[in-house]
């Protein structure tokens, strides 16, 4: 295949199909579960609705209402609706709502563009990286949609152990963490591959006598 032909069919390559499928499934799973959380999980407080009922998510964002815990696994896992102005697991939430919204929205857009660029450069055999990029893109878009539409991100999964509680998170956060983890695995594989390639080249050069003088230096 010539370079010119490759440019016209690059989007048909399996890595792009995987990227689209995994990314879309991650995004759908994230958005569907967030819609369920906002519609179904209980909230308490004095809201702006009729009779002081809570309007979700507006009254949660305004801190006049808050999510009530629903036990999933007693002592370890709860559903608890919250609106997070920060990034994954509440990071950067103290910068201020407007600054955080613009800052993290730009990061989300840049992340998606970066994932597409990295996939374009990725080799066909880097399947772990293909999955990683798709998951990160899906998670980034999922939280970006919330941030643009609500100014904050819907979180509803709470893990706890005894008196310790982890920051509330969502499906997008999960796929982002998994995607980043897979990226590190790919980096390790690429490092090992590069070392093996250099070693093979060195052995080949030694057999041809190309590195004889270098090995005798010093």
N, C-alpha and C. Protein backbone atom coordinates (compact mmCIF):
# COMPACT_ATOMS: atom_id res chain seq x y z
N UNK A 1 0.85 -1.20 0.00
CA UNK A 1 0.00 0.00 0.00
C UNK A 1 0.88 1.25 0.00
N UNK A 2 0.58 2.16 -0.90
CA UNK A 2 1.36 3.39 -0.98
C UNK A 2 0.91 4.35 0.12
N UNK A 3 1.77 5.38 0.36
CA UNK A 3 1.43 6.39 1.35
C UNK A 3 0.13 7.10 1.00
N UNK A 4 -0.08 7.33 -0.31
CA UNK A 4 -1.27 8.04 -0.75
C UNK A 4 -2.52 7.21 -0.50
N UNK A 5 -2.42 5.88 -0.75
CA UNK A 5 -3.55 4.98 -0.50
C UNK A 5 -3.83 4.88 0.99
N UNK A 6 -2.76 4.85 1.79
CA UNK A 6 -2.90 4.73 3.25
C UNK A 6 -3.65 5.93 3.82
N UNK A 7 -3.43 7.11 3.27
CA UNK A 7 -4.09 8.32 3.77
C UNK A 7 -5.59 8.28 3.52
N UNK A 8 -6.03 7.56 2.47
CA UNK A 8 -7.45 7.54 2.14
C UNK A 8 -8.21 6.47 2.90
N UNK A 9 -7.52 5.47 3.47
CA UNK A 9 -8.23 4.37 4.13
C UNK A 9 -7.81 4.21 5.59
N UNK A 10 -7.10 5.18 6.15
CA UNK A 10 -6.61 5.02 7.52
C UNK A 10 -7.75 4.80 8.51
N UNK A 11 -8.90 5.45 8.25
CA UNK A 11 -10.03 5.34 9.17
C UNK A 11 -10.69 3.96 9.12
N UNK A 12 -10.32 3.14 8.12
CA UNK A 12 -10.89 1.80 8.03
C UNK A 12 -10.05 0.77 8.79
N UNK A 13 -8.93 1.18 9.30
CA UNK A 13 -8.07 0.26 10.02
C UNK A 13 -8.75 -0.23 11.29
N UNK A 14 -8.47 -1.49 11.72
CA UNK A 14 -9.11 -2.05 12.91
C UNK A 14 -8.95 -1.19 14.16
N UNK A 15 -7.80 -0.52 14.30
CA UNK A 15 -7.61 0.29 15.51
C UNK A 15 -8.62 1.42 15.61
N UNK A 16 -9.05 1.97 14.46
CA UNK A 16 -10.03 3.06 14.49
C UNK A 16 -11.42 2.52 14.79
N UNK A 17 -11.72 1.32 14.30
CA UNK A 17 -13.00 0.70 14.62
C UNK A 17 -13.08 0.40 16.12
N UNK A 18 -11.99 -0.14 16.67
CA UNK A 18 -11.93 -0.41 18.11
C UNK A 18 -12.08 0.88 18.90
N UNK A 19 -11.38 1.92 18.48
CA UNK A 19 -11.43 3.21 19.15
C UNK A 19 -12.86 3.74 19.19
N UNK A 20 -13.55 3.65 18.05
CA UNK A 20 -14.92 4.16 17.97
C UNK A 20 -15.87 3.34 18.84
N UNK A 21 -15.77 2.01 18.76
CA UNK A 21 -16.69 1.14 19.50
C UNK A 21 -16.49 1.28 21.00
N UNK A 22 -15.24 1.15 21.46
CA UNK A 22 -14.94 1.21 22.89
C UNK A 22 -15.23 2.61 23.44
N UNK A 23 -14.85 3.62 22.69
CA UNK A 23 -15.09 4.99 23.12
C UNK A 23 -16.59 5.30 23.26
N UNK A 24 -17.37 4.86 22.27
CA UNK A 24 -18.81 5.12 22.31
C UNK A 24 -19.48 4.34 23.43
N UNK A 25 -19.09 3.06 23.60
CA UNK A 25 -19.67 2.25 24.67
C UNK A 25 -19.34 2.84 26.05
N UNK A 26 -18.12 3.32 26.21
CA UNK A 26 -17.73 3.95 27.48
C UNK A 26 -18.55 5.20 27.74
N UNK A 27 -18.72 6.00 26.69
CA UNK A 27 -19.50 7.23 26.80
C UNK A 27 -20.97 6.94 27.13
N UNK A 28 -21.55 5.96 26.44
CA UNK A 28 -22.95 5.61 26.68
C UNK A 28 -23.14 5.08 28.09
N UNK A 29 -22.23 4.19 28.54
CA UNK A 29 -22.33 3.65 29.90
C UNK A 29 -22.25 4.77 30.93
N UNK A 30 -21.37 5.72 30.69
CA UNK A 30 -21.22 6.84 31.62
C UNK A 30 -22.47 7.70 31.67
N UNK A 31 -22.97 8.08 30.51
CA UNK A 31 -24.11 8.99 30.47
C UNK A 31 -25.40 8.33 30.95
N UNK A 32 -25.60 7.06 30.61
CA UNK A 32 -26.81 6.35 31.05
C UNK A 32 -26.83 6.22 32.56
N UNK A 33 -25.70 5.87 33.16
CA UNK A 33 -25.66 5.73 34.62
C UNK A 33 -25.81 7.07 35.32
N UNK A 34 -25.30 8.14 34.73
CA UNK A 34 -25.48 9.47 35.32
C UNK A 34 -26.95 9.91 35.25
N UNK A 35 -27.60 9.62 34.14
CA UNK A 35 -29.03 9.95 34.02
C UNK A 35 -29.82 9.18 35.07
N UNK A 36 -29.48 7.89 35.23
CA UNK A 36 -30.15 7.08 36.26
C UNK A 36 -29.91 7.67 37.65
N UNK A 37 -28.68 8.06 37.93
CA UNK A 37 -28.35 8.59 39.26
C UNK A 37 -29.12 9.88 39.56
N UNK A 38 -29.16 10.79 38.60
CA UNK A 38 -29.87 12.06 38.81
C UNK A 38 -31.37 11.85 38.95
N UNK A 39 -31.90 10.83 38.27
CA UNK A 39 -33.35 10.61 38.29
C UNK A 39 -33.81 9.73 39.45
N UNK A 40 -32.93 8.86 39.95
CA UNK A 40 -33.39 7.82 40.87
C UNK A 40 -32.83 7.92 42.29
N UNK A 41 -31.64 8.43 42.46
CA UNK A 41 -31.05 8.44 43.79
C UNK A 41 -31.68 9.52 44.66
N UNK A 42 -31.90 9.22 45.95
CA UNK A 42 -32.59 10.17 46.83
C UNK A 42 -31.71 11.35 47.21
N UNK A 43 -32.35 12.48 47.43
CA UNK A 43 -31.66 13.69 47.88
C UNK A 43 -32.44 14.28 49.06
N UNK A 44 -31.75 15.04 49.88
CA UNK A 44 -32.40 15.67 51.02
C UNK A 44 -31.99 17.12 51.15
N UNK A 45 -32.85 17.91 51.81
CA UNK A 45 -32.58 19.33 52.00
C UNK A 45 -33.79 20.15 51.65
N UNK A 46 -33.62 21.46 51.69
CA UNK A 46 -34.71 22.37 51.34
C UNK A 46 -34.39 22.99 49.98
N UNK A 47 -35.09 22.49 48.96
CA UNK A 47 -34.79 22.92 47.60
C UNK A 47 -35.69 24.03 47.10
N UNK A 48 -35.59 24.30 45.81
CA UNK A 48 -36.34 25.38 45.19
C UNK A 48 -37.61 24.91 44.51
N UNK A 49 -37.90 23.60 44.61
CA UNK A 49 -39.10 23.06 44.01
C UNK A 49 -40.33 23.30 44.86
N UNK A 50 -41.46 22.83 44.37
CA UNK A 50 -42.73 23.00 45.09
C UNK A 50 -42.64 22.35 46.47
N UNK A 51 -43.00 23.11 47.49
CA UNK A 51 -42.97 22.60 48.85
C UNK A 51 -41.58 22.36 49.38
N UNK A 52 -40.59 23.00 48.77
CA UNK A 52 -39.21 22.85 49.23
C UNK A 52 -38.52 21.60 48.74
N UNK A 53 -39.14 20.94 47.74
CA UNK A 53 -38.50 19.74 47.19
C UNK A 53 -37.23 20.13 46.43
N UNK A 54 -36.32 19.18 46.35
CA UNK A 54 -35.02 19.43 45.71
C UNK A 54 -35.11 19.28 44.20
N UNK A 55 -34.57 20.25 43.50
CA UNK A 55 -34.48 20.19 42.05
C UNK A 55 -33.07 19.72 41.70
N UNK A 56 -32.99 18.57 41.03
CA UNK A 56 -31.70 17.97 40.67
C UNK A 56 -31.36 18.31 39.23
N UNK A 57 -30.15 18.76 38.93
CA UNK A 57 -29.02 18.90 39.88
C UNK A 57 -28.85 20.31 40.45
N UNK A 58 -29.75 21.24 40.10
CA UNK A 58 -29.55 22.65 40.45
C UNK A 58 -29.35 22.87 41.95
N UNK A 59 -30.20 22.25 42.75
CA UNK A 59 -30.11 22.49 44.19
C UNK A 59 -28.91 21.79 44.83
N UNK A 60 -28.43 20.74 44.19
CA UNK A 60 -27.20 20.11 44.68
C UNK A 60 -26.01 21.01 44.38
N UNK A 61 -26.00 21.59 43.19
CA UNK A 61 -24.93 22.52 42.82
C UNK A 61 -24.93 23.73 43.74
N UNK A 62 -26.15 24.17 44.12
CA UNK A 62 -26.28 25.34 44.99
C UNK A 62 -26.05 24.99 46.47
N UNK A 63 -25.86 23.71 46.75
CA UNK A 63 -25.60 23.23 48.12
C UNK A 63 -26.79 23.42 49.06
N UNK A 64 -27.99 23.55 48.52
CA UNK A 64 -29.18 23.58 49.36
C UNK A 64 -29.75 22.18 49.57
N UNK A 65 -29.31 21.25 48.73
CA UNK A 65 -29.69 19.85 48.86
C UNK A 65 -28.45 18.98 48.67
N UNK A 66 -28.54 17.76 49.13
CA UNK A 66 -27.41 16.84 48.98
C UNK A 66 -27.91 15.42 48.81
N UNK A 67 -27.07 14.59 48.19
CA UNK A 67 -27.45 13.20 47.98
C UNK A 67 -27.47 12.41 49.28
N UNK A 68 -28.45 11.52 49.38
CA UNK A 68 -28.57 10.65 50.55
C UNK A 68 -27.99 9.27 50.21
N UNK A 69 -27.31 8.63 51.16
CA UNK A 69 -26.66 7.35 50.86
C UNK A 69 -27.65 6.21 50.65
N UNK A 70 -27.34 5.37 49.67
CA UNK A 70 -28.10 4.15 49.43
C UNK A 70 -27.11 2.99 49.45
N UNK A 71 -27.25 2.09 50.40
CA UNK A 71 -26.29 1.01 50.57
C UNK A 71 -26.36 0.02 49.42
N UNK A 72 -25.21 -0.29 48.84
CA UNK A 72 -25.10 -1.33 47.81
C UNK A 72 -24.40 -2.55 48.39
N UNK A 73 -23.24 -2.33 49.01
CA UNK A 73 -22.55 -3.36 49.78
C UNK A 73 -22.27 -2.76 51.15
N UNK A 74 -22.94 -3.26 52.16
CA UNK A 74 -22.89 -2.63 53.47
C UNK A 74 -21.47 -2.49 53.99
N UNK A 75 -21.12 -1.25 54.37
CA UNK A 75 -19.81 -0.96 54.92
C UNK A 75 -18.73 -0.70 53.90
N UNK A 76 -19.03 -0.91 52.59
CA UNK A 76 -18.00 -0.78 51.57
C UNK A 76 -18.43 0.07 50.36
N UNK A 77 -19.69 0.01 50.00
CA UNK A 77 -20.10 0.62 48.74
C UNK A 77 -21.48 1.23 48.90
N UNK A 78 -21.59 2.51 48.51
CA UNK A 78 -22.87 3.20 48.54
C UNK A 78 -23.08 3.96 47.23
N UNK A 79 -24.33 4.19 46.91
CA UNK A 79 -24.69 5.16 45.88
C UNK A 79 -25.00 6.47 46.60
N UNK A 80 -24.39 7.56 46.17
CA UNK A 80 -24.66 8.86 46.79
C UNK A 80 -24.47 9.95 45.73
N UNK A 81 -25.54 10.58 45.35
CA UNK A 81 -25.50 11.58 44.28
C UNK A 81 -24.79 12.84 44.74
N UNK A 82 -23.89 13.33 43.91
CA UNK A 82 -23.23 14.60 44.19
C UNK A 82 -22.83 15.24 42.87
N UNK A 83 -22.59 16.54 42.90
CA UNK A 83 -22.13 17.27 41.73
C UNK A 83 -20.73 17.79 42.02
N UNK A 84 -19.80 17.41 41.17
CA UNK A 84 -18.39 17.67 41.42
C UNK A 84 -17.87 18.76 40.49
N UNK A 85 -17.41 19.90 41.04
CA UNK A 85 -16.88 20.97 40.19
C UNK A 85 -15.47 20.67 39.69
N UNK A 86 -14.81 19.66 40.26
CA UNK A 86 -13.43 19.35 39.89
C UNK A 86 -13.35 18.27 38.83
N UNK A 87 -12.18 17.64 38.75
CA UNK A 87 -11.98 16.57 37.79
C UNK A 87 -12.21 15.24 38.47
N UNK A 88 -11.61 14.18 37.95
CA UNK A 88 -11.81 12.84 38.50
C UNK A 88 -11.49 12.79 39.99
N UNK A 89 -12.41 12.20 40.75
CA UNK A 89 -12.25 12.02 42.20
C UNK A 89 -12.11 13.35 42.95
N UNK A 90 -12.69 14.43 42.37
CA UNK A 90 -12.74 15.71 43.07
C UNK A 90 -11.50 16.57 42.95
N UNK A 91 -10.54 16.19 42.13
CA UNK A 91 -9.32 16.99 41.99
C UNK A 91 -9.64 18.34 41.36
N UNK A 92 -8.93 19.38 41.78
CA UNK A 92 -9.04 20.75 41.27
C UNK A 92 -10.39 21.40 41.59
N UNK A 93 -11.14 20.82 42.52
CA UNK A 93 -12.44 21.37 42.85
C UNK A 93 -12.38 22.69 43.59
N UNK A 94 -11.22 23.08 44.12
CA UNK A 94 -11.12 24.30 44.90
C UNK A 94 -10.68 25.52 44.13
N UNK A 95 -10.61 25.42 42.81
CA UNK A 95 -10.15 26.55 42.01
C UNK A 95 -11.23 27.59 41.77
N UNK A 96 -12.46 27.28 42.08
CA UNK A 96 -13.57 28.17 41.75
C UNK A 96 -14.35 27.60 40.58
N UNK A 97 -15.68 27.68 40.63
CA UNK A 97 -16.54 27.01 39.66
C UNK A 97 -16.25 27.41 38.22
N UNK A 98 -16.19 28.73 37.96
CA UNK A 98 -16.01 29.19 36.58
C UNK A 98 -14.64 28.85 36.03
N UNK A 99 -13.61 29.07 36.85
CA UNK A 99 -12.25 28.76 36.41
C UNK A 99 -12.10 27.26 36.17
N UNK A 100 -12.62 26.47 37.10
CA UNK A 100 -12.52 25.02 36.98
C UNK A 100 -13.25 24.52 35.74
N UNK A 101 -14.44 25.08 35.49
CA UNK A 101 -15.23 24.64 34.33
C UNK A 101 -14.48 24.87 33.03
N UNK A 102 -13.95 26.08 32.84
CA UNK A 102 -13.24 26.41 31.60
C UNK A 102 -11.94 25.62 31.51
N UNK A 103 -11.19 25.60 32.61
CA UNK A 103 -9.89 24.93 32.64
C UNK A 103 -10.02 23.45 32.32
N UNK A 104 -10.95 22.75 33.00
CA UNK A 104 -11.09 21.32 32.81
C UNK A 104 -11.77 20.98 31.49
N UNK A 105 -12.62 21.87 30.99
CA UNK A 105 -13.22 21.65 29.68
C UNK A 105 -12.15 21.71 28.59
N UNK A 106 -11.25 22.66 28.70
CA UNK A 106 -10.15 22.77 27.73
C UNK A 106 -9.25 21.54 27.81
N UNK A 107 -8.99 21.08 29.03
CA UNK A 107 -8.16 19.88 29.21
C UNK A 107 -8.85 18.67 28.58
N UNK A 108 -10.17 18.58 28.77
CA UNK A 108 -10.92 17.47 28.19
C UNK A 108 -10.86 17.46 26.67
N UNK A 109 -11.05 18.63 26.07
CA UNK A 109 -10.98 18.73 24.61
C UNK A 109 -9.58 18.39 24.12
N UNK A 110 -8.57 18.93 24.81
CA UNK A 110 -7.18 18.65 24.42
C UNK A 110 -6.86 17.17 24.56
N UNK A 111 -7.42 16.53 25.60
CA UNK A 111 -7.18 15.10 25.82
C UNK A 111 -7.73 14.27 24.67
N UNK A 112 -8.94 14.59 24.23
CA UNK A 112 -9.54 13.84 23.12
C UNK A 112 -8.74 14.02 21.84
N UNK A 113 -8.34 15.26 21.56
CA UNK A 113 -7.52 15.52 20.37
C UNK A 113 -6.19 14.76 20.48
N UNK A 114 -5.61 14.77 21.68
CA UNK A 114 -4.36 14.05 21.89
C UNK A 114 -4.51 12.56 21.68
N UNK A 115 -5.63 11.99 22.13
CA UNK A 115 -5.86 10.55 21.95
C UNK A 115 -5.96 10.19 20.47
N UNK A 116 -6.66 11.03 19.71
CA UNK A 116 -6.80 10.79 18.27
C UNK A 116 -5.43 10.87 17.59
N UNK A 117 -4.64 11.86 17.96
CA UNK A 117 -3.31 12.02 17.37
C UNK A 117 -2.43 10.81 17.72
N UNK A 118 -2.46 10.37 18.97
CA UNK A 118 -1.65 9.23 19.39
C UNK A 118 -2.08 7.95 18.67
N UNK A 119 -3.39 7.80 18.47
CA UNK A 119 -3.87 6.61 17.77
C UNK A 119 -3.42 6.61 16.32
N UNK A 120 -3.41 7.79 15.73
CA UNK A 120 -2.95 7.91 14.33
C UNK A 120 -1.51 7.44 14.21
N UNK A 121 -0.70 7.69 15.25
CA UNK A 121 0.71 7.31 15.23
C UNK A 121 0.96 5.88 15.70
N UNK A 122 -0.02 5.29 16.40
CA UNK A 122 0.18 3.97 17.00
C UNK A 122 0.29 2.89 15.93
N UNK A 123 1.13 1.90 16.19
CA UNK A 123 1.27 0.77 15.29
C UNK A 123 0.07 -0.16 15.41
N UNK A 124 -0.23 -0.94 14.39
CA UNK A 124 -1.36 -1.88 14.46
C UNK A 124 -1.23 -2.90 15.58
N UNK A 125 0.00 -3.26 15.96
CA UNK A 125 0.19 -4.29 16.99
C UNK A 125 0.11 -3.74 18.42
N UNK A 126 -0.04 -2.43 18.59
CA UNK A 126 -0.13 -1.85 19.93
C UNK A 126 -1.59 -1.88 20.42
N UNK A 127 -2.10 -3.08 20.58
CA UNK A 127 -3.54 -3.23 20.91
C UNK A 127 -3.87 -2.68 22.29
N UNK A 128 -2.96 -2.85 23.24
CA UNK A 128 -3.21 -2.31 24.59
C UNK A 128 -3.36 -0.79 24.52
N UNK A 129 -2.52 -0.15 23.73
CA UNK A 129 -2.59 1.30 23.58
C UNK A 129 -3.89 1.71 22.91
N UNK A 130 -4.35 0.93 21.94
CA UNK A 130 -5.61 1.24 21.26
C UNK A 130 -6.77 1.26 22.27
N UNK A 131 -6.81 0.26 23.14
CA UNK A 131 -7.84 0.21 24.18
C UNK A 131 -7.69 1.40 25.13
N UNK A 132 -6.47 1.68 25.51
CA UNK A 132 -6.22 2.78 26.46
C UNK A 132 -6.71 4.11 25.90
N UNK A 133 -6.38 4.39 24.67
CA UNK A 133 -6.77 5.67 24.06
C UNK A 133 -8.29 5.77 23.92
N UNK A 134 -8.93 4.66 23.57
CA UNK A 134 -10.38 4.67 23.44
C UNK A 134 -11.06 4.93 24.78
N UNK A 135 -10.57 4.29 25.84
CA UNK A 135 -11.15 4.47 27.17
C UNK A 135 -10.96 5.90 27.67
N UNK A 136 -9.76 6.42 27.49
CA UNK A 136 -9.49 7.79 27.95
C UNK A 136 -10.36 8.79 27.18
N UNK A 137 -10.49 8.59 25.89
CA UNK A 137 -11.32 9.50 25.09
C UNK A 137 -12.78 9.42 25.52
N UNK A 138 -13.30 8.19 25.71
CA UNK A 138 -14.69 8.03 26.13
C UNK A 138 -14.96 8.66 27.49
N UNK A 139 -14.05 8.43 28.43
CA UNK A 139 -14.20 9.02 29.76
C UNK A 139 -14.11 10.53 29.74
N UNK A 140 -13.17 11.05 28.97
CA UNK A 140 -12.99 12.51 28.88
C UNK A 140 -14.23 13.18 28.29
N UNK A 141 -14.79 12.58 27.25
CA UNK A 141 -15.98 13.15 26.62
C UNK A 141 -17.17 13.07 27.57
N UNK A 142 -17.27 11.95 28.31
CA UNK A 142 -18.37 11.78 29.25
C UNK A 142 -18.41 12.89 30.29
N UNK A 143 -17.27 13.17 30.91
CA UNK A 143 -17.22 14.24 31.90
C UNK A 143 -17.31 15.62 31.26
N UNK A 144 -16.82 15.73 30.03
CA UNK A 144 -16.89 17.01 29.33
C UNK A 144 -18.34 17.40 29.04
N UNK A 145 -19.15 16.43 28.66
CA UNK A 145 -20.58 16.70 28.41
C UNK A 145 -21.24 17.25 29.66
N UNK A 146 -20.99 16.62 30.80
CA UNK A 146 -21.55 17.10 32.06
C UNK A 146 -21.10 18.53 32.36
N UNK A 147 -19.81 18.76 32.17
CA UNK A 147 -19.24 20.05 32.54
C UNK A 147 -19.80 21.17 31.67
N UNK A 148 -20.00 20.88 30.40
CA UNK A 148 -20.56 21.89 29.50
C UNK A 148 -22.05 22.12 29.80
N UNK A 149 -22.78 21.04 30.05
CA UNK A 149 -24.23 21.14 30.22
C UNK A 149 -24.64 21.61 31.61
N UNK A 150 -23.97 21.07 32.65
CA UNK A 150 -24.35 21.39 34.03
C UNK A 150 -23.35 22.30 34.75
N UNK A 151 -22.19 22.50 34.16
CA UNK A 151 -21.07 23.23 34.76
C UNK A 151 -20.31 22.38 35.78
N UNK A 152 -20.90 21.25 36.17
CA UNK A 152 -20.26 20.32 37.10
C UNK A 152 -20.52 18.89 36.65
N UNK A 153 -19.78 17.96 37.22
CA UNK A 153 -19.86 16.56 36.81
C UNK A 153 -20.67 15.75 37.82
N UNK A 154 -21.53 14.89 37.31
CA UNK A 154 -22.36 14.02 38.16
C UNK A 154 -21.53 12.85 38.68
N UNK A 155 -21.45 12.71 39.99
CA UNK A 155 -20.80 11.57 40.64
C UNK A 155 -21.82 10.84 41.50
N UNK A 156 -21.64 9.54 41.67
CA UNK A 156 -22.64 8.80 42.45
C UNK A 156 -22.11 7.51 43.07
N UNK A 157 -20.87 7.14 42.83
CA UNK A 157 -20.30 5.91 43.39
C UNK A 157 -19.41 6.26 44.56
N UNK A 158 -19.69 5.71 45.71
CA UNK A 158 -18.90 5.98 46.91
C UNK A 158 -18.35 4.68 47.47
N UNK A 159 -17.03 4.58 47.57
CA UNK A 159 -16.38 3.44 48.22
C UNK A 159 -15.90 3.88 49.59
N UNK A 160 -16.04 3.01 50.56
CA UNK A 160 -15.67 3.34 51.93
C UNK A 160 -15.13 2.09 52.62
N UNK A 161 -14.38 2.34 53.69
CA UNK A 161 -13.91 1.26 54.54
C UNK A 161 -13.82 1.78 55.96
N UNK A 162 -14.67 1.23 56.83
CA UNK A 162 -14.78 1.70 58.21
C UNK A 162 -15.12 3.20 58.21
N UNK A 163 -14.25 4.05 58.73
CA UNK A 163 -14.54 5.48 58.77
C UNK A 163 -13.98 6.24 57.57
N UNK A 164 -13.23 5.56 56.70
CA UNK A 164 -12.62 6.24 55.56
C UNK A 164 -13.53 6.16 54.34
N UNK A 165 -13.69 7.28 53.66
CA UNK A 165 -14.46 7.34 52.43
C UNK A 165 -13.60 7.91 51.30
N UNK A 166 -13.60 7.23 50.17
CA UNK A 166 -12.91 7.76 49.00
C UNK A 166 -13.79 8.81 48.33
N UNK A 167 -13.21 9.72 47.57
CA UNK A 167 -14.04 10.71 46.85
C UNK A 167 -15.06 10.03 45.94
N UNK A 168 -16.25 10.58 45.88
CA UNK A 168 -17.31 10.03 45.02
C UNK A 168 -16.88 10.13 43.56
N UNK A 169 -17.21 9.11 42.77
CA UNK A 169 -16.76 9.11 41.37
C UNK A 169 -17.85 8.56 40.47
N UNK A 170 -17.53 8.42 39.18
CA UNK A 170 -18.50 7.93 38.20
C UNK A 170 -17.84 6.98 37.22
N UNK A 171 -18.59 6.49 36.25
CA UNK A 171 -18.06 5.53 35.29
C UNK A 171 -16.97 6.15 34.43
N UNK A 172 -17.12 7.42 34.06
CA UNK A 172 -16.09 8.09 33.26
C UNK A 172 -14.75 8.10 33.99
N UNK A 173 -14.79 8.35 35.31
CA UNK A 173 -13.56 8.32 36.10
C UNK A 173 -12.92 6.95 36.07
N UNK A 174 -13.76 5.91 36.13
CA UNK A 174 -13.25 4.53 36.14
C UNK A 174 -12.53 4.23 34.83
N UNK A 175 -13.19 4.53 33.69
CA UNK A 175 -12.57 4.21 32.40
C UNK A 175 -11.33 5.06 32.16
N UNK A 176 -11.32 6.29 32.68
CA UNK A 176 -10.13 7.13 32.56
C UNK A 176 -8.96 6.50 33.30
N UNK A 177 -9.21 6.04 34.53
CA UNK A 177 -8.14 5.43 35.32
C UNK A 177 -7.64 4.14 34.67
N UNK A 178 -8.58 3.32 34.18
CA UNK A 178 -8.19 2.08 33.50
C UNK A 178 -7.39 2.40 32.24
N UNK A 179 -7.85 3.41 31.48
CA UNK A 179 -7.14 3.79 30.27
C UNK A 179 -5.73 4.27 30.54
N UNK A 180 -5.56 5.11 31.56
CA UNK A 180 -4.22 5.59 31.92
C UNK A 180 -3.35 4.43 32.38
N UNK A 181 -3.94 3.51 33.14
CA UNK A 181 -3.18 2.33 33.57
C UNK A 181 -2.69 1.50 32.40
N UNK A 182 -3.56 1.32 31.40
CA UNK A 182 -3.16 0.57 30.20
C UNK A 182 -2.07 1.31 29.43
N UNK A 183 -2.10 2.64 29.46
CA UNK A 183 -1.03 3.41 28.81
C UNK A 183 0.32 3.12 29.45
N UNK A 184 0.35 3.05 30.77
CA UNK A 184 1.60 2.74 31.46
C UNK A 184 2.08 1.33 31.11
N UNK A 185 1.15 0.39 30.98
CA UNK A 185 1.52 -0.96 30.58
C UNK A 185 2.14 -0.95 29.18
N UNK A 186 1.52 -0.18 28.28
CA UNK A 186 2.05 -0.07 26.92
C UNK A 186 3.44 0.56 26.92
N UNK A 187 3.64 1.57 27.76
CA UNK A 187 4.95 2.21 27.85
C UNK A 187 6.02 1.20 28.28
N UNK A 188 5.68 0.37 29.27
CA UNK A 188 6.61 -0.65 29.74
C UNK A 188 6.92 -1.66 28.63
N UNK A 189 5.87 -2.06 27.90
CA UNK A 189 6.08 -2.99 26.80
C UNK A 189 6.97 -2.39 25.72
N UNK A 190 6.75 -1.11 25.41
CA UNK A 190 7.54 -0.45 24.39
C UNK A 190 8.99 -0.29 24.83
N UNK A 191 9.20 -0.04 26.11
CA UNK A 191 10.58 0.06 26.63
C UNK A 191 11.30 -1.28 26.48
N UNK A 192 10.60 -2.37 26.84
CA UNK A 192 11.20 -3.70 26.69
C UNK A 192 11.45 -4.02 25.22
N UNK A 193 10.52 -3.63 24.37
CA UNK A 193 10.67 -3.88 22.94
C UNK A 193 11.87 -3.11 22.38
N UNK A 194 12.01 -1.86 22.81
CA UNK A 194 13.12 -1.04 22.33
C UNK A 194 14.46 -1.60 22.79
N UNK A 195 14.52 -2.05 24.04
CA UNK A 195 15.76 -2.65 24.55
C UNK A 195 16.10 -3.92 23.79
N UNK A 196 15.09 -4.74 23.52
CA UNK A 196 15.32 -5.98 22.78
C UNK A 196 15.80 -5.69 21.36
N UNK A 197 15.21 -4.66 20.75
CA UNK A 197 15.61 -4.28 19.39
C UNK A 197 17.05 -3.79 19.36
N UNK A 198 17.41 -2.94 20.35
CA UNK A 198 18.78 -2.44 20.42
C UNK A 198 19.77 -3.56 20.65
N UNK A 199 19.39 -4.51 21.49
CA UNK A 199 20.27 -5.64 21.78
C UNK A 199 20.47 -6.49 20.54
N UNK A 200 19.38 -6.71 19.78
CA UNK A 200 19.47 -7.51 18.56
C UNK A 200 20.35 -6.82 17.53
N UNK A 201 20.21 -5.48 17.43
CA UNK A 201 21.05 -4.73 16.48
C UNK A 201 22.51 -4.79 16.89
N UNK A 202 22.75 -4.70 18.19
CA UNK A 202 24.12 -4.75 18.68
C UNK A 202 24.75 -6.11 18.39
N UNK A 203 23.98 -7.16 18.62
CA UNK A 203 24.49 -8.51 18.36
C UNK A 203 24.78 -8.69 16.87
N UNK A 204 23.89 -8.15 16.04
CA UNK A 204 24.09 -8.25 14.60
C UNK A 204 25.31 -7.47 14.16
N UNK A 205 25.50 -6.29 14.77
CA UNK A 205 26.65 -5.46 14.44
C UNK A 205 27.95 -6.12 14.88
N UNK A 206 27.93 -6.78 16.04
CA UNK A 206 29.11 -7.48 16.54
C UNK A 206 29.52 -8.61 15.59
N UNK A 207 28.52 -9.32 15.09
CA UNK A 207 28.81 -10.42 14.17
C UNK A 207 29.44 -9.91 12.89
N UNK A 208 29.06 -8.69 12.49
CA UNK A 208 29.62 -8.12 11.27
C UNK A 208 30.92 -7.36 11.54
N UNK A 209 31.28 -7.26 12.81
CA UNK A 209 32.50 -6.56 13.18
C UNK A 209 32.39 -5.06 13.17
N UNK A 210 31.16 -4.55 13.17
CA UNK A 210 30.95 -3.11 13.09
C UNK A 210 31.20 -2.39 14.41
N UNK A 211 31.19 -3.10 15.52
CA UNK A 211 31.39 -2.48 16.82
C UNK A 211 32.66 -2.96 17.49
N UNK A 212 33.56 -3.52 16.70
CA UNK A 212 34.80 -4.03 17.26
C UNK A 212 35.64 -2.95 17.90
N UNK A 213 35.77 -1.82 17.20
CA UNK A 213 36.59 -0.72 17.74
C UNK A 213 35.96 -0.11 18.99
N UNK A 214 34.60 -0.01 19.00
CA UNK A 214 33.91 0.57 20.14
C UNK A 214 34.10 -0.29 21.38
N UNK A 215 34.09 -1.59 21.20
CA UNK A 215 34.22 -2.47 22.37
C UNK A 215 35.64 -2.48 22.92
N UNK A 216 36.61 -2.07 22.08
CA UNK A 216 38.01 -2.06 22.54
C UNK A 216 38.43 -0.73 23.13
N UNK A 217 37.56 0.29 23.06
CA UNK A 217 37.91 1.60 23.61
C UNK A 217 38.02 1.54 25.11
N UNK A 218 38.96 2.33 25.68
CA UNK A 218 39.13 2.40 27.14
C UNK A 218 39.85 1.18 27.65
